[in-house]
Amino acid sequence: MNASAQVMRRNAYDIHEIQMPGGTVVDEYISPAGTVFAVSWHGQFPPPMQQILGTYFQQYSAALQAQSSQPKMYGHRPLNIQEQGLVVQTSGHMRAHSGRAYLPDLLPTGMTVNQIQ
C-alpha cells in the first residue's frame, strides 16, 4: 500500500496501524500466531478493499452483489455484510469513510467487536 506503519501491543493481539499516502488509516488486528483477524479504517477515502480483505475479497464481493440487483458502489452508503465467517461494516460520506471487517470465529477470547475501531 506504500504506507507507513506503527505497532501497538495488547494482551491477546497486536494492532498494526498503517497510514496510507492519501491519509486513510488502516488498523490490522493480528493474533500472536500472526493471523490477521480484523481490520478497521477511517479517512477521506475508502481503502483498497481487495488488498485489506485478501482471500476474503471474493466472499465480500459476492455478498455485496447479493444485497441488491442494482450494483452498489462501495463507500456511497452504509453497508452491513454478515456472512458465515466474515463481517464487513462500513459507514461515512464524502471524505469521511470508516469501517471494519472481522472474522468472528478468530476473535481472541475476551475481545469484543466494539474493540475493533
PDB file of N, CA and C in Angstrom:
ATOM      1  N   MET A   1       0.817  -1.201   0.000  1.00  0.00           N
ATOM      2  CA  MET A   1       0.000   0.000   0.000  1.00  0.00           C
ATOM      3  C   MET A   1       0.858   1.262   0.000  1.00  0.00           C
ATOM      4  N   ASN A   2       2.187   1.111   0.031  1.00  0.00           N
ATOM      5  CA  ASN A   2       3.079   2.270   0.036  1.00  0.00           C
ATOM      6  C   ASN A   2       2.737   3.195   1.202  1.00  0.00           C
ATOM      7  N   ALA A   3       2.785   2.650   2.419  1.00  0.00           N
ATOM      8  CA  ALA A   3       2.309   3.366   3.603  1.00  0.00           C
ATOM      9  C   ALA A   3       3.320   3.266   4.733  1.00  0.00           C
ATOM     10  N   SER A   4       3.117   4.072   5.777  1.00  0.00           N
ATOM     11  CA  SER A   4       3.934   3.967   6.979  1.00  0.00           C
ATOM     12  C   SER A   4       3.153   3.199   8.034  1.00  0.00           C
ATOM     13  N   ALA A   5       3.867   2.522   8.946  1.00  0.00           N
ATOM     14  CA  ALA A   5       3.190   1.667   9.925  1.00  0.00           C
ATOM     15  C   ALA A   5       3.708   1.917  11.339  1.00  0.00           C
ATOM     16  N   GLN A   6       2.846   1.581  12.293  1.00  0.00           N
ATOM     17  CA  GLN A   6       3.160   1.673  13.719  1.00  0.00           C
ATOM     18  C   GLN A   6       2.521   0.464  14.392  1.00  0.00           C
ATOM     19  N   VAL A   7       3.182  -0.122  15.385  1.00  0.00           N
ATOM     20  CA  VAL A   7       2.652  -1.303  16.071  1.00  0.00           C
ATOM     21  C   VAL A   7       2.267  -0.941  17.501  1.00  0.00           C
ATOM     22  N   MET A   8       1.048  -1.360  17.899  1.00  0.00           N
ATOM     23  CA  MET A   8       0.571  -1.190  19.269  1.00  0.00           C
ATOM     24  C   MET A   8       0.309  -2.578  19.838  1.00  0.00           C
ATOM     25  N   ARG A   9       0.842  -2.869  20.993  1.00  0.00           N
ATOM     26  CA  ARG A   9       0.705  -4.187  21.610  1.00  0.00           C
ATOM     27  C   ARG A   9      -0.459  -4.199  22.601  1.00  0.00           C
ATOM     28  N   ARG A  10      -1.246  -5.253  22.553  1.00  0.00           N
ATOM     29  CA  ARG A  10      -2.314  -5.520  23.505  1.00  0.00           C
ATOM     30  C   ARG A  10      -2.032  -6.879  24.137  1.00  0.00           C
ATOM     31  N   ASN A  11      -2.812  -7.279  25.121  1.00  0.00           N
ATOM     32  CA  ASN A  11      -2.573  -8.569  25.783  1.00  0.00           C
ATOM     33  C   ASN A  11      -2.688  -9.749  24.833  1.00  0.00           C
ATOM     34  N   ALA A  12      -3.769  -9.827  24.062  1.00  0.00           N
ATOM     35  CA  ALA A  12      -4.036 -11.003  23.238  1.00  0.00           C
ATOM     36  C   ALA A  12      -3.814 -10.770  21.748  1.00  0.00           C
ATOM     37  N   TYR A  13      -3.362  -9.578  21.363  1.00  0.00           N
ATOM     38  CA  TYR A  13      -3.169  -9.280  19.943  1.00  0.00           C
ATOM     39  C   TYR A  13      -2.342  -8.007  19.789  1.00  0.00           C
ATOM     40  N   ASP A  14      -1.884  -7.781  18.570  1.00  0.00           N
ATOM     41  CA  ASP A  14      -1.197  -6.541  18.206  1.00  0.00           C
ATOM     42  C   ASP A  14      -2.052  -5.796  17.206  1.00  0.00           C
ATOM     43  N   ILE A  15      -1.894  -4.485  17.180  1.00  0.00           N
ATOM     44  CA  ILE A  15      -2.558  -3.667  16.164  1.00  0.00           C
ATOM     45  C   ILE A  15      -1.465  -2.996  15.339  1.00  0.00           C
ATOM     46  N   HIS A  16      -1.485  -3.235  14.041  1.00  0.00           N
ATOM     47  CA  HIS A  16      -0.573  -2.562  13.128  1.00  0.00           C
ATOM     48  C   HIS A  16      -1.349  -1.427  12.476  1.00  0.00           C
ATOM     49  N   GLU A  17      -0.988  -0.202  12.830  1.00  0.00           N
ATOM     50  CA  GLU A  17      -1.654   0.973  12.265  1.00  0.00           C
ATOM     51  C   GLU A  17      -0.889   1.408  11.022  1.00  0.00           C
ATOM     52  N   ILE A  18      -1.586   1.434   9.900  1.00  0.00           N
ATOM     53  CA  ILE A  18      -0.967   1.751   8.614  1.00  0.00           C
ATOM     54  C   ILE A  18      -1.546   3.061   8.103  1.00  0.00           C
ATOM     55  N   GLN A  19      -0.694   4.042   7.904  1.00  0.00           N
ATOM     56  CA  GLN A  19      -1.106   5.347   7.375  1.00  0.00           C
ATOM     57  C   GLN A  19      -0.831   5.341   5.877  1.00  0.00           C
ATOM     58  N   MET A  20      -1.897   5.393   5.080  1.00  0.00           N
ATOM     59  CA  MET A  20      -1.756   5.389   3.629  1.00  0.00           C
ATOM     60  C   MET A  20      -1.431   6.797   3.134  1.00  0.00           C
ATOM     61  N   PRO A  21      -0.796   6.914   1.972  1.00  0.00           N
ATOM     62  CA  PRO A  21      -0.427   8.233   1.457  1.00  0.00           C
ATOM     63  C   PRO A  21      -1.594   9.214   1.353  1.00  0.00           C
ATOM     64  N   GLY A  22      -2.798   8.761   1.063  1.00  0.00           N
ATOM     65  CA  GLY A  22      -3.957   9.644   0.932  1.00  0.00           C
ATOM     66  C   GLY A  22      -4.557  10.061   2.265  1.00  0.00           C
ATOM     67  N   GLY A  23      -4.013   9.564   3.387  1.00  0.00           N
ATOM     68  CA  GLY A  23      -4.490   9.950   4.699  1.00  0.00           C
ATOM     69  C   GLY A  23      -5.355   8.922   5.391  1.00  0.00           C
ATOM     70  N   THR A  24      -5.823   7.915   4.691  1.00  0.00           N
ATOM     71  CA  THR A  24      -6.636   6.880   5.315  1.00  0.00           C
ATOM     72  C   THR A  24      -5.765   6.041   6.242  1.00  0.00           C
ATOM     73  N   VAL A  25      -6.294   5.726   7.425  1.00  0.00           N
ATOM     74  CA  VAL A  25      -5.596   4.898   8.405  1.00  0.00           C
ATOM     75  C   VAL A  25      -6.277   3.533   8.440  1.00  0.00           C
ATOM     76  N   VAL A  26      -5.487   2.468   8.288  1.00  0.00           N
ATOM     77  CA  VAL A  26      -5.979   1.102   8.357  1.00  0.00           C
ATOM     78  C   VAL A  26      -5.306   0.436   9.549  1.00  0.00           C
ATOM     79  N   ASP A  27      -6.107  -0.152  10.434  1.00  0.00           N
ATOM     80  CA  ASP A  27      -5.586  -0.905  11.573  1.00  0.00           C
ATOM     81  C   ASP A  27      -5.793  -2.387  11.314  1.00  0.00           C
ATOM     82  N   GLU A  28      -4.707  -3.164  11.386  1.00  0.00           N
ATOM     83  CA  GLU A  28      -4.779  -4.607  11.263  1.00  0.00           C
ATOM     84  C   GLU A  28      -4.643  -5.202  12.662  1.00  0.00           C
ATOM     85  N   TYR A  29      -5.562  -6.060  13.041  1.00  0.00           N
ATOM     86  CA  TYR A  29      -5.551  -6.731  14.334  1.00  0.00           C
ATOM     87  C   TYR A  29      -4.964  -8.124  14.106  1.00  0.00           C
ATOM     88  N   ILE A  30      -3.855  -8.404  14.789  1.00  0.00           N
ATOM     89  CA  ILE A  30      -3.081  -9.607  14.493  1.00  0.00           C
ATOM     90  C   ILE A  30      -2.905 -10.450  15.758  1.00  0.00           C
ATOM     91  N   SER A  31      -3.195 -11.737  15.623  1.00  0.00           N
ATOM     92  CA  SER A  31      -3.054 -12.673  16.744  1.00  0.00           C
ATOM     93  C   SER A  31      -1.569 -12.947  16.999  1.00  0.00           C
ATOM     94  N   PRO A  32      -1.247 -13.535  18.171  1.00  0.00           N
ATOM     95  CA  PRO A  32       0.143 -13.904  18.437  1.00  0.00           C
ATOM     96  C   PRO A  32       0.713 -14.882  17.406  1.00  0.00           C
ATOM     97  N   ALA A  33      -0.162 -15.648  16.744  1.00  0.00           N
ATOM     98  CA  ALA A  33       0.285 -16.587  15.709  1.00  0.00           C
ATOM     99  C   ALA A  33       0.539 -15.895  14.372  1.00  0.00           C
ATOM    100  N   GLY A  34       0.243 -14.583  14.299  1.00  0.00           N
ATOM    101  CA  GLY A  34       0.490 -13.837  13.064  1.00  0.00           C
ATOM    102  C   GLY A  34      -0.694 -13.779  12.113  1.00  0.00           C
ATOM    103  N   THR A  35      -1.875 -14.203  12.569  1.00  0.00           N
ATOM    104  CA  THR A  35      -3.081 -14.198  11.735  1.00  0.00           C
ATOM    105  C   THR A  35      -3.824 -12.879  11.884  1.00  0.00           C
ATOM    106  N   VAL A  36      -4.130 -12.244  10.757  1.00  0.00           N
ATOM    107  CA  VAL A  36      -4.953 -11.030  10.786  1.00  0.00           C
ATOM    108  C   VAL A  36      -6.400 -11.486  10.933  1.00  0.00           C
ATOM    109  N   PHE A  37      -7.042 -11.085  12.045  1.00  0.00           N
ATOM    110  CA  PHE A  37      -8.427 -11.499  12.293  1.00  0.00           C
ATOM    111  C   PHE A  37      -9.409 -10.346  12.153  1.00  0.00           C
ATOM    112  N   ALA A  38      -8.901  -9.123  12.013  1.00  0.00           N
ATOM    113  CA  ALA A  38      -9.784  -7.964  11.836  1.00  0.00           C
ATOM    114  C   ALA A  38      -8.996  -6.807  11.242  1.00  0.00           C
ATOM    115  N   VAL A  39      -9.721  -5.928  10.565  1.00  0.00           N
ATOM    116  CA  VAL A  39      -9.162  -4.666  10.083  1.00  0.00           C
ATOM    117  C   VAL A  39     -10.212  -3.587  10.307  1.00  0.00           C
ATOM    118  N   SER A  40      -9.744  -2.373  10.539  1.00  0.00           N
ATOM    119  CA  SER A  40     -10.654  -1.232  10.604  1.00  0.00           C
ATOM    120  C   SER A  40      -9.990  -0.095   9.850  1.00  0.00           C
ATOM    121  N   TRP A  41     -10.780   0.902   9.463  1.00  0.00           N
ATOM    122  CA  TRP A  41     -10.223   2.014   8.702  1.00  0.00           C
ATOM    123  C   TRP A  41     -11.047   3.268   8.914  1.00  0.00           C
ATOM    124  N   HIS A  42     -10.382   4.401   8.707  1.00  0.00           N
ATOM    125  CA  HIS A  42     -11.065   5.691   8.716  1.00  0.00           C
ATOM    126  C   HIS A  42     -10.201   6.679   7.931  1.00  0.00           C
ATOM    127  N   GLY A  43     -10.875   7.569   7.242  1.00  0.00           N
ATOM    128  CA  GLY A  43     -10.151   8.574   6.472  1.00  0.00           C
ATOM    129  C   GLY A  43     -10.995   9.170   5.373  1.00  0.00           C
ATOM    130  N   GLN A  44     -10.353  10.007   4.572  1.00  0.00           N
ATOM    131  CA  GLN A  44     -11.050  10.695   3.488  1.00  0.00           C
ATOM    132  C   GLN A  44     -11.491   9.756   2.379  1.00  0.00           C
ATOM    133  N   PHE A  45     -10.756   8.682   2.188  1.00  0.00           N
ATOM    134  CA  PHE A  45     -11.030   7.762   1.083  1.00  0.00           C
ATOM    135  C   PHE A  45     -11.137   6.343   1.616  1.00  0.00           C
ATOM    136  N   PRO A  46     -11.993   5.521   1.004  1.00  0.00           N
ATOM    137  CA  PRO A  46     -12.041   4.117   1.409  1.00  0.00           C
ATOM    138  C   PRO A  46     -10.726   3.433   1.025  1.00  0.00           C
ATOM    139  N   PRO A  47     -10.308   2.427   1.785  1.00  0.00           N
ATOM    140  CA  PRO A  47      -9.075   1.715   1.459  1.00  0.00           C
ATOM    141  C   PRO A  47      -9.290   0.781   0.270  1.00  0.00           C
ATOM    142  N   PRO A  48      -8.207   0.264  -0.303  1.00  0.00           N
ATOM    143  CA  PRO A  48      -8.345  -0.726  -1.379  1.00  0.00           C
ATOM    144  C   PRO A  48      -8.850  -2.043  -0.783  1.00  0.00           C
ATOM    145  N   MET A  49     -10.142  -2.280  -0.906  1.00  0.00           N
ATOM    146  CA  MET A  49     -10.777  -3.418  -0.241  1.00  0.00           C
ATOM    147  C   MET A  49     -10.147  -4.748  -0.632  1.00  0.00           C
ATOM    148  N   GLN A  50      -9.750  -4.906  -1.879  1.00  0.00           N
ATOM    149  CA  GLN A  50      -9.151  -6.175  -2.285  1.00  0.00           C
ATOM    150  C   GLN A  50      -7.849  -6.415  -1.517  1.00  0.00           C
ATOM    151  N   GLN A  51      -7.097  -5.365  -1.278  1.00  0.00           N
ATOM    152  CA  GLN A  51      -5.851  -5.503  -0.540  1.00  0.00           C
ATOM    153  C   GLN A  51      -6.087  -5.813   0.933  1.00  0.00           C
ATOM    154  N   ILE A  52      -7.028  -5.123   1.564  1.00  0.00           N
ATOM    155  CA  ILE A  52      -7.185  -5.338   3.004  1.00  0.00           C
ATOM    156  C   ILE A  52      -7.978  -6.599   3.340  1.00  0.00           C
ATOM    157  N   LEU A  53      -8.809  -7.073   2.416  1.00  0.00           N
ATOM    158  CA  LEU A  53      -9.566  -8.299   2.679  1.00  0.00           C
ATOM    159  C   LEU A  53      -8.857  -9.554   2.179  1.00  0.00           C
ATOM    160  N   GLY A  54      -7.901  -9.386   1.305  1.00  0.00           N
ATOM    161  CA  GLY A  54      -7.122 -10.535   0.825  1.00  0.00           C
ATOM    162  C   GLY A  54      -8.001 -11.640   0.277  1.00  0.00           C
ATOM    163  N   THR A  55      -7.831 -12.849   0.806  1.00  0.00           N
ATOM    164  CA  THR A  55      -8.577 -14.006   0.299  1.00  0.00           C
ATOM    165  C   THR A  55     -10.069 -13.927   0.579  1.00  0.00           C
ATOM    166  N   TYR A  56     -10.497 -13.023   1.447  1.00  0.00           N
ATOM    167  CA  TYR A  56     -11.922 -12.862   1.755  1.00  0.00           C
ATOM    168  C   TYR A  56     -12.612 -11.882   0.804  1.00  0.00           C
ATOM    169  N   PHE A  57     -11.857 -11.281  -0.103  1.00  0.00           N
ATOM    170  CA  PHE A  57     -12.445 -10.303  -1.013  1.00  0.00           C
ATOM    171  C   PHE A  57     -13.519 -10.918  -1.905  1.00  0.00           C
ATOM    172  N   GLN A  58     -13.314 -12.115  -2.356  1.00  0.00           N
ATOM    173  CA  GLN A  58     -14.306 -12.767  -3.222  1.00  0.00           C
ATOM    174  C   GLN A  58     -15.616 -12.998  -2.462  1.00  0.00           C
ATOM    175  N   GLN A  59     -15.535 -13.422  -1.215  1.00  0.00           N
ATOM    176  CA  GLN A  59     -16.735 -13.617  -0.399  1.00  0.00           C
ATOM    177  C   GLN A  59     -17.437 -12.280  -0.178  1.00  0.00           C
ATOM    178  N   TYR A  60     -16.675 -11.236   0.096  1.00  0.00           N
ATOM    179  CA  TYR A  60     -17.212  -9.883   0.259  1.00  0.00           C
ATOM    180  C   TYR A  60     -17.912  -9.423  -1.023  1.00  0.00           C
ATOM    181  N   SER A  61     -17.266  -9.600  -2.154  1.00  0.00           N
ATOM    182  CA  SER A  61     -17.843  -9.176  -3.432  1.00  0.00           C
ATOM    183  C   SER A  61     -19.153  -9.891  -3.729  1.00  0.00           C
ATOM    184  N   ALA A  62     -19.180 -11.191  -3.476  1.00  0.00           N
ATOM    185  CA  ALA A  62     -20.400 -11.967  -3.720  1.00  0.00           C
ATOM    186  C   ALA A  62     -21.526 -11.495  -2.798  1.00  0.00           C
ATOM    187  N   ALA A  63     -21.215 -11.226  -1.541  1.00  0.00           N
ATOM    188  CA  ALA A  63     -22.234 -10.750  -0.591  1.00  0.00           C
ATOM    189  C   ALA A  63     -22.732  -9.369  -0.994  1.00  0.00           C
ATOM    190  N   LEU A  64     -21.844  -8.531  -1.477  1.00  0.00           N
ATOM    191  CA  LEU A  64     -22.220  -7.193  -1.925  1.00  0.00           C
ATOM    192  C   LEU A  64     -23.171  -7.283  -3.116  1.00  0.00           C
ATOM    193  N   GLN A  65     -22.875  -8.153  -4.047  1.00  0.00           N
ATOM    194  CA  GLN A  65     -23.734  -8.357  -5.213  1.00  0.00           C
ATOM    195  C   GLN A  65     -25.097  -8.910  -4.820  1.00  0.00           C
ATOM    196  N   ALA A  66     -25.118  -9.795  -3.824  1.00  0.00           N
ATOM    197  CA  ALA A  66     -26.368 -10.440  -3.406  1.00  0.00           C
ATOM    198  C   ALA A  66     -27.304  -9.490  -2.674  1.00  0.00           C
ATOM    199  N   GLN A  67     -26.783  -8.387  -2.138  1.00  0.00           N
ATOM    200  CA  GLN A  67     -27.622  -7.466  -1.379  1.00  0.00           C
ATOM    201  C   GLN A  67     -28.635  -6.739  -2.250  1.00  0.00           C
ATOM    202  N   SER A  68     -28.356  -6.623  -3.517  1.00  0.00           N
ATOM    203  CA  SER A  68     -29.266  -5.890  -4.379  1.00  0.00           C
ATOM    204  C   SER A  68     -29.027  -6.274  -5.822  1.00  0.00           C
ATOM    205  N   SER A  69     -30.067  -6.185  -6.622  1.00  0.00           N
ATOM    206  CA  SER A  69     -29.899  -6.452  -8.049  1.00  0.00           C
ATOM    207  C   SER A  69     -29.227  -5.276  -8.745  1.00  0.00           C
ATOM    208  N   GLN A  70     -29.261  -4.100  -8.118  1.00  0.00           N
ATOM    209  CA  GLN A  70     -28.584  -2.937  -8.681  1.00  0.00           C
ATOM    210  C   GLN A  70     -27.177  -2.850  -8.106  1.00  0.00           C
ATOM    211  N   PRO A  71     -26.186  -2.607  -8.944  1.00  0.00           N
ATOM    212  CA  PRO A  71     -24.826  -2.519  -8.415  1.00  0.00           C
ATOM    213  C   PRO A  71     -24.680  -1.354  -7.445  1.00  0.00           C
ATOM    214  N   LYS A  72     -23.934  -1.603  -6.361  1.00  0.00           N
ATOM    215  CA  LYS A  72     -23.677  -0.557  -5.369  1.00  0.00           C
ATOM    216  C   LYS A  72     -22.199  -0.214  -5.420  1.00  0.00           C
ATOM    217  N   MET A  73     -21.926   1.032  -5.334  1.00  0.00           N
ATOM    218  CA  MET A  73     -20.545   1.469  -5.263  1.00  0.00           C
ATOM    219  C   MET A  73     -20.153   1.517  -3.799  1.00  0.00           C
ATOM    220  N   TYR A  74     -19.039   0.879  -3.453  1.00  0.00           N
ATOM    221  CA  TYR A  74     -18.565   0.906  -2.083  1.00  0.00           C
ATOM    222  C   TYR A  74     -18.351   2.350  -1.650  1.00  0.00           C
ATOM    223  N   GLY A  75     -18.745   2.655  -0.429  1.00  0.00           N
ATOM    224  CA  GLY A  75     -18.489   3.968   0.140  1.00  0.00           C
ATOM    225  C   GLY A  75     -19.605   4.967  -0.054  1.00  0.00           C
ATOM    226  N   HIS A  76     -20.645   4.622  -0.819  1.00  0.00           N
ATOM    227  CA  HIS A  76     -21.723   5.576  -1.082  1.00  0.00           C
ATOM    228  C   HIS A  76     -22.905   5.417  -0.132  1.00  0.00           C
ATOM    229  N   ARG A  77     -22.906   4.390   0.682  1.00  0.00           N
ATOM    230  CA  ARG A  77     -23.985   4.176   1.655  1.00  0.00           C
ATOM    231  C   ARG A  77     -23.502   3.191   2.713  1.00  0.00           C
ATOM    232  N   PRO A  78     -24.152   3.200   3.880  1.00  0.00           N
ATOM    233  CA  PRO A  78     -23.740   2.240   4.911  1.00  0.00           C
ATOM    234  C   PRO A  78     -23.881   0.811   4.409  1.00  0.00           C
ATOM    235  N   LEU A  79     -23.035  -0.031   4.908  1.00  0.00           N
ATOM    236  CA  LEU A  79     -23.015  -1.418   4.471  1.00  0.00           C
ATOM    237  C   LEU A  79     -22.859  -2.305   5.701  1.00  0.00           C
ATOM    238  N   ASN A  80     -23.630  -3.383   5.758  1.00  0.00           N
ATOM    239  CA  ASN A  80     -23.525  -4.341   6.857  1.00  0.00           C
ATOM    240  C   ASN A  80     -23.650  -5.742   6.284  1.00  0.00           C
ATOM    241  N   ILE A  81     -22.522  -6.349   6.003  1.00  0.00           N
ATOM    242  CA  ILE A  81     -22.490  -7.706   5.464  1.00  0.00           C
ATOM    243  C   ILE A  81     -22.155  -8.647   6.611  1.00  0.00           C
ATOM    244  N   GLN A  82     -23.010  -9.625   6.839  1.00  0.00           N
ATOM    245  CA  GLN A  82     -22.765 -10.618   7.885  1.00  0.00           C
ATOM    246  C   GLN A  82     -22.889 -11.992   7.257  1.00  0.00           C
ATOM    247  N   GLU A  83     -21.762 -12.493   6.814  1.00  0.00           N
ATOM    248  CA  GLU A  83     -21.673 -13.795   6.168  1.00  0.00           C
ATOM    249  C   GLU A  83     -21.108 -14.807   7.161  1.00  0.00           C
ATOM    250  N   GLN A  84     -21.224 -16.070   6.821  1.00  0.00           N
ATOM    251  CA  GLN A  84     -20.602 -17.110   7.641  1.00  0.00           C
ATOM    252  C   GLN A  84     -19.097 -16.884   7.626  1.00  0.00           C
ATOM    253  N   GLY A  85     -18.536 -16.545   8.770  1.00  0.00           N
ATOM    254  CA  GLY A  85     -17.097 -16.377   8.882  1.00  0.00           C
ATOM    255  C   GLY A  85     -16.549 -15.012   8.512  1.00  0.00           C
ATOM    256  N   LEU A  86     -17.392 -14.059   8.079  1.00  0.00           N
ATOM    257  CA  LEU A  86     -16.911 -12.737   7.689  1.00  0.00           C
ATOM    258  C   LEU A  86     -17.979 -11.683   7.947  1.00  0.00           C
ATOM    259  N   VAL A  87     -17.587 -10.595   8.610  1.00  0.00           N
ATOM    260  CA  VAL A  87     -18.467  -9.451   8.823  1.00  0.00           C
ATOM    261  C   VAL A  87     -17.756  -8.215   8.297  1.00  0.00           C
ATOM    262  N   VAL A  88     -18.460  -7.422   7.474  1.00  0.00           N
ATOM    263  CA  VAL A  88     -17.921  -6.157   6.960  1.00  0.00           C
ATOM    264  C   VAL A  88     -18.974  -5.085   7.212  1.00  0.00           C
ATOM    265  N   GLN A  89     -18.574  -4.017   7.909  1.00  0.00           N
ATOM    266  CA  GLN A  89     -19.483  -2.914   8.227  1.00  0.00           C
ATOM    267  C   GLN A  89     -18.796  -1.607   7.854  1.00  0.00           C
ATOM    268  N   THR A  90     -19.504  -0.782   7.074  1.00  0.00           N
ATOM    269  CA  THR A  90     -18.932   0.499   6.667  1.00  0.00           C
ATOM    270  C   THR A  90     -19.948   1.612   6.870  1.00  0.00           C
ATOM    271  N   SER A  91     -19.441   2.824   6.961  1.00  0.00           N
ATOM    272  CA  SER A  91     -20.303   3.998   7.022  1.00  0.00           C
ATOM    273  C   SER A  91     -19.499   5.185   6.540  1.00  0.00           C
ATOM    274  N   GLY A  92     -20.182   6.301   6.415  1.00  0.00           N
ATOM    275  CA  GLY A  92     -19.476   7.510   6.037  1.00  0.00           C
ATOM    276  C   GLY A  92     -20.173   8.272   4.936  1.00  0.00           C
ATOM    277  N   HIS A  93     -19.490   9.293   4.509  1.00  0.00           N
ATOM    278  CA  HIS A  93     -19.946  10.144   3.425  1.00  0.00           C
ATOM    279  C   HIS A  93     -18.709  10.718   2.753  1.00  0.00           C
ATOM    280  N   MET A  94     -18.887  11.592   1.790  1.00  0.00           N
ATOM    281  CA  MET A  94     -17.765  12.108   1.037  1.00  0.00           C
ATOM    282  C   MET A  94     -16.652  12.613   1.966  1.00  0.00           C
ATOM    283  N   ARG A  95     -15.480  12.092   1.775  1.00  0.00           N
ATOM    284  CA  ARG A  95     -14.261  12.463   2.509  1.00  0.00           C
ATOM    285  C   ARG A  95     -14.273  12.100   3.989  1.00  0.00           C
ATOM    286  N   ALA A  96     -15.153  11.194   4.384  1.00  0.00           N
ATOM    287  CA  ALA A  96     -15.177  10.701   5.765  1.00  0.00           C
ATOM    288  C   ALA A  96     -15.694   9.266   5.770  1.00  0.00           C
ATOM    289  N   HIS A  97     -14.807   8.323   5.464  1.00  0.00           N
ATOM    290  CA  HIS A  97     -15.181   6.912   5.381  1.00  0.00           C
ATOM    291  C   HIS A  97     -14.617   6.157   6.581  1.00  0.00           C
ATOM    292  N   SER A  98     -15.380   5.193   7.067  1.00  0.00           N
ATOM    293  CA  SER A  98     -14.885   4.338   8.140  1.00  0.00           C
ATOM    294  C   SER A  98     -15.533   2.973   8.010  1.00  0.00           C
ATOM    295  N   GLY A  99     -14.922   2.009   8.649  1.00  0.00           N
ATOM    296  CA  GLY A  99     -15.490   0.677   8.617  1.00  0.00           C
ATOM    297  C   GLY A  99     -14.608  -0.320   9.322  1.00  0.00           C
ATOM    298  N   ARG A 100     -15.102  -1.547   9.348  1.00  0.00           N
ATOM    299  CA  ARG A 100     -14.340  -2.637   9.927  1.00  0.00           C
ATOM    300  C   ARG A 100     -14.759  -3.938   9.264  1.00  0.00           C
ATOM    301  N   ALA A 101     -13.844  -4.871   9.262  1.00  0.00           N
ATOM    302  CA  ALA A 101     -14.105  -6.216   8.775  1.00  0.00           C
ATOM    303  C   ALA A 101     -13.435  -7.162   9.762  1.00  0.00           C
ATOM    304  N   TYR A 102     -14.123  -8.236  10.092  1.00  0.00           N
ATOM    305  CA  TYR A 102     -13.523  -9.169  11.044  1.00  0.00           C
ATOM    306  C   TYR A 102     -14.039 -10.579  10.812  1.00  0.00           C
ATOM    307  N   LEU A 103     -13.263 -11.512  11.348  1.00  0.00           N
ATOM    308  CA  LEU A 103     -13.591 -12.926  11.272  1.00  0.00           C
ATOM    309  C   LEU A 103     -14.064 -13.345  12.668  1.00  0.00           C
ATOM    310  N   PRO A 104     -15.366 -13.450  12.885  1.00  0.00           N
ATOM    311  CA  PRO A 104     -15.907 -13.694  14.229  1.00  0.00           C
ATOM    312  C   PRO A 104     -15.301 -14.907  14.931  1.00  0.00           C
ATOM    313  N   ASP A 105     -15.028 -15.962  14.178  1.00  0.00           N
ATOM    314  CA  ASP A 105     -14.509 -17.192  14.776  1.00  0.00           C
ATOM    315  C   ASP A 105     -13.067 -17.055  15.260  1.00  0.00           C
ATOM    316  N   LEU A 106     -12.361 -16.019  14.816  1.00  0.00           N
ATOM    317  CA  LEU A 106     -10.952 -15.867  15.178  1.00  0.00           C
ATOM    318  C   LEU A 106     -10.693 -14.774  16.218  1.00  0.00           C
ATOM    319  N   LEU A 107     -11.754 -14.101  16.689  1.00  0.00           N
ATOM    320  CA  LEU A 107     -11.550 -13.077  17.715  1.00  0.00           C
ATOM    321  C   LEU A 107     -10.967 -13.725  18.971  1.00  0.00           C
ATOM    322  N   PRO A 108      -9.942 -13.104  19.570  1.00  0.00           N
ATOM    323  CA  PRO A 108      -9.355 -13.668  20.791  1.00  0.00           C
ATOM    324  C   PRO A 108     -10.388 -13.733  21.922  1.00  0.00           C
ATOM    325  N   THR A 109     -10.212 -14.695  22.801  1.00  0.00           N
ATOM    326  CA  THR A 109     -11.091 -14.852  23.956  1.00  0.00           C
ATOM    327  C   THR A 109     -11.103 -13.560  24.760  1.00  0.00           C
ATOM    328  N   GLY A 110     -12.299 -13.100  25.081  1.00  0.00           N
ATOM    329  CA  GLY A 110     -12.458 -11.888  25.874  1.00  0.00           C
ATOM    330  C   GLY A 110     -12.517 -10.607  25.066  1.00  0.00           C
ATOM    331  N   MET A 111     -12.214 -10.674  23.782  1.00  0.00           N
ATOM    332  CA  MET A 111     -12.276  -9.479  22.943  1.00  0.00           C
ATOM    333  C   MET A 111     -13.691  -9.282  22.434  1.00  0.00           C
ATOM    334  N   THR A 112     -14.169  -8.031  22.451  1.00  0.00           N
ATOM    335  CA  THR A 112     -15.489  -7.727  21.912  1.00  0.00           C
ATOM    336  C   THR A 112     -15.340  -7.037  20.565  1.00  0.00           C
ATOM    337  N   VAL A 113     -16.378  -7.110  19.780  1.00  0.00           N
ATOM    338  CA  VAL A 113     -16.372  -6.469  18.453  1.00  0.00           C
ATOM    339  C   VAL A 113     -16.187  -4.967  18.590  1.00  0.00           C
ATOM    340  N   ASN A 114     -16.682  -4.365  19.667  1.00  0.00           N
ATOM    341  CA  ASN A 114     -16.550  -2.916  19.866  1.00  0.00           C
ATOM    342  C   ASN A 114     -15.103  -2.473  20.027  1.00  0.00           C
ATOM    343  N   GLN A 115     -14.204  -3.384  20.291  1.00  0.00           N
ATOM    344  CA  GLN A 115     -12.781  -3.042  20.393  1.00  0.00           C
ATOM    345  C   GLN A 115     -12.134  -2.874  19.026  1.00  0.00           C
ATOM    346  N   ILE A 116     -12.821  -3.269  17.987  1.00  0.00           N
ATOM    347  CA  ILE A 116     -12.309  -3.097  16.624  1.00  0.00           C
ATOM    348  C   ILE A 116     -12.784  -1.756  16.129  1.00  0.00           C
ATOM    349  N   GLN A 117     -11.917  -0.757  16.203  1.00  0.00           N
ATOM    350  CA  GLN A 117     -12.300   0.612  15.851  1.00  0.00           C
ATOM    351  C   GLN A 117     -11.348   1.200  14.850  1.00  0.00           C
TER     352      GLN A 117
END
